Structures are given as structure tokens and as C-alpha cells.
Amino acid sequence: RAHAPRSAVTVADSAKPALVSMADGKITAHALSALEARGKLFVIPGEETFKGMVVGTYNKGGDKDLEVNPVREKKLTNIRAANNDENIKLTPVIPLNLEEVLGTLRADETVEVTPSKLRIRKV
């Protein structure tokens, strides 16, 4: 078996398209339940978000990011329903670690590192 140098892998090759927040505010479980089908999420309900923040990875191929609204609230009506926000079950989020984030960072993204949070932002 012959050994050869590995082919160069660019950052863009290993990075997936992102789910990017289009609004500022507090993330709701109602909005995240609809976004779960579109990709893997990095955020939890109740967390603050801002416009341009990456909230997850997009499942679709290609390099086109998807703008989403993670702060959308459920419309309130006078009609009672069996399904309410307490019944929403979300899959556990992907914990971000600095090594993986730096390895999959795209050219149009930056990392915000604070003592308590690690966030990715679109430039």
C-alpha cells in the first residue's frame, strides 16, 4: 500500500450551509419546532438571538444559507387547543466547541467567544 499526501481540504468543503436568524429577540420553542426539520440546531428556547446569528446547520446541499425566524411566537386565540407550548418536544441541541467551530467556519462567518457563550455570526 503506497502512502501519498492527503488532498487539500478547504474550509468551504467541510462547512455546511447555515440557518441564519433574521430577527432579534428571545428564541421560542414554537419556532424551533418548525426549524428542526430543516437542520441541526445550536440554540435552545429562551436564549437571546440577533440578526445574522447562525442558529444551526441547514440539511440541504449546496452553499446557500437559509434565513429563518427563531423568535416567531404562537398566535394566541380564545379557542382552547389540546396542543400547547408545554407539549413541544425538541431534540437536544448540538453543543458547540471551539475546535469544531474553527474547523468548519466559512469565509463569511465570524466566531464570538465569551466566557459563557460561543456564537457564530454571518458577516
Protein backbone atom coordinates (compact mmCIF):
# COMPACT_ATOMS: atom_id res chain seq x y z
CA ARG A 1 0.00 0.00 0.00
CA ALA A 2 1.56 3.26 -1.12
CA HIS A 3 1.35 6.37 1.00
CA ALA A 4 0.56 9.67 -0.62
CA PRO A 5 -0.07 13.16 0.74
CA ARG A 6 -3.66 13.91 1.57
CA SER A 7 -5.53 16.15 -0.79
CA ALA A 8 -6.04 19.67 0.49
CA VAL A 9 -9.42 20.21 2.12
CA THR A 10 -10.59 23.79 2.17
CA VAL A 11 -12.80 25.23 4.89
CA ALA A 12 -15.66 25.70 2.43
CA ASP A 13 -15.59 21.98 1.54
CA SER A 14 -16.19 20.84 5.10
CA ALA A 15 -18.73 23.54 6.04
CA LYS A 16 -22.46 23.11 5.59
CA PRO A 17 -24.95 25.85 4.77
CA ALA A 18 -26.31 27.63 7.84
CA LEU A 19 -29.67 28.52 9.35
CA VAL A 20 -29.30 32.26 9.96
CA SER A 21 -31.55 34.31 12.24
CA MET A 22 -33.42 37.17 10.55
CA ALA A 23 -34.67 38.78 13.78
CA ASP A 24 -33.55 39.95 17.22
CA GLY A 25 -35.19 38.67 20.40
CA LYS A 26 -35.81 35.65 22.58
CA ILE A 27 -35.94 32.26 20.83
CA THR A 28 -39.26 30.40 21.22
CA ALA A 29 -39.97 26.66 21.35
CA HIS A 30 -42.78 27.15 18.83
CA ALA A 31 -40.37 28.50 16.22
CA LEU A 32 -37.69 25.88 16.90
CA SER A 33 -40.16 23.01 16.49
CA ALA A 34 -40.73 24.13 12.89
CA LEU A 35 -37.00 24.61 12.24
CA GLU A 36 -35.94 21.14 13.41
CA ALA A 37 -36.96 19.59 10.09
CA ARG A 38 -34.63 21.97 8.24
CA GLY A 39 -31.43 21.12 10.09
CA LYS A 40 -29.50 20.65 13.31
CA LEU A 41 -29.89 23.43 15.86
CA PHE A 42 -27.30 25.10 18.13
CA VAL A 43 -29.74 27.13 20.27
CA ILE A 44 -32.38 26.47 22.93
CA PRO A 45 -35.68 28.22 23.72
CA GLY A 46 -35.26 31.32 25.87
CA GLU A 47 -31.81 32.15 24.52
CA GLU A 48 -31.30 35.62 23.03
CA THR A 49 -30.56 35.87 19.30
CA PHE A 50 -29.66 38.69 16.95
CA LYS A 51 -29.93 39.28 13.21
CA GLY A 52 -27.18 37.39 11.39
CA MET A 53 -26.57 34.83 14.17
CA VAL A 54 -26.15 31.23 12.99
CA VAL A 55 -28.72 29.11 14.86
CA GLY A 56 -28.00 25.77 13.15
CA THR A 57 -26.82 23.89 10.07
CA TYR A 58 -29.02 23.53 7.00
CA ASN A 59 -29.69 19.98 5.75
CA LYS A 60 -29.92 20.87 2.07
CA GLY A 61 -26.87 20.54 -0.13
CA GLY A 62 -25.18 23.40 -1.87
CA ASP A 63 -23.80 26.57 -0.37
CA LYS A 64 -26.94 28.70 0.03
CA ASP A 65 -27.78 29.70 3.61
CA LEU A 66 -31.39 29.90 4.80
CA GLU A 67 -32.71 32.88 6.76
CA VAL A 68 -35.12 31.77 9.49
CA ASN A 69 -37.19 33.42 12.22
CA PRO A 70 -36.43 31.68 15.56
CA VAL A 71 -38.32 34.31 17.59
CA ARG A 72 -41.73 33.74 15.99
CA GLU A 73 -44.44 33.34 18.60
CA LYS A 74 -47.56 31.26 18.53
CA LYS A 75 -50.71 33.23 17.71
CA LEU A 76 -53.00 33.38 20.70
CA THR A 77 -56.74 32.86 20.26
CA ASN A 78 -59.73 32.37 22.53
CA ILE A 79 -60.16 28.80 21.34
CA ARG A 80 -58.57 26.18 23.56
CA ALA A 81 -56.48 23.52 21.92
CA ALA A 82 -55.09 20.24 23.17
CA ASN A 83 -51.62 21.12 21.88
CA ASN A 84 -49.87 23.96 23.63
CA ASP A 85 -46.25 25.00 24.18
CA GLU A 86 -45.80 22.60 27.10
CA ASN A 87 -46.29 19.69 24.68
CA ILE A 88 -43.46 20.68 22.32
CA LYS A 89 -40.63 18.16 22.41
CA LEU A 90 -37.35 19.31 20.90
CA THR A 91 -34.32 17.17 20.11
CA PRO A 92 -31.21 18.00 22.17
CA VAL A 93 -29.03 20.73 20.65
CA ILE A 94 -25.51 20.22 19.37
CA PRO A 95 -23.06 21.62 21.92
CA LEU A 96 -20.59 23.92 20.19
CA ASN A 97 -16.91 23.54 20.93
CA LEU A 98 -14.23 25.91 19.67
CA GLU A 99 -12.18 23.33 17.75
CA GLU A 100 -15.11 22.10 15.65
CA VAL A 101 -16.37 25.63 15.01
CA LEU A 102 -12.97 26.81 13.79
CA GLY A 103 -12.65 23.71 11.61
CA THR A 104 -15.95 24.27 9.81
CA LEU A 105 -16.03 28.07 9.72
CA ARG A 106 -16.86 29.53 6.31
CA ALA A 107 -15.26 32.62 4.79
CA ASP A 108 -18.33 34.79 5.52
CA GLU A 109 -18.62 33.81 9.21
CA THR A 110 -17.00 35.00 12.42
CA VAL A 111 -16.91 33.48 15.91
CA GLU A 112 -17.90 35.37 19.05
CA VAL A 113 -16.33 33.84 22.16
CA THR A 114 -17.37 34.93 25.65
CA PRO A 115 -16.85 33.16 29.00
CA SER A 116 -20.38 31.71 28.88
CA LYS A 117 -21.28 31.53 25.16
CA LEU A 118 -19.87 30.56 21.79
CA ARG A 119 -21.74 32.10 18.84
CA ILE A 120 -21.28 32.11 15.08
CA ARG A 121 -22.22 35.23 13.11
CA LYS A 122 -22.57 35.96 9.40
CA VAL A 123 -20.53 38.94 8.25
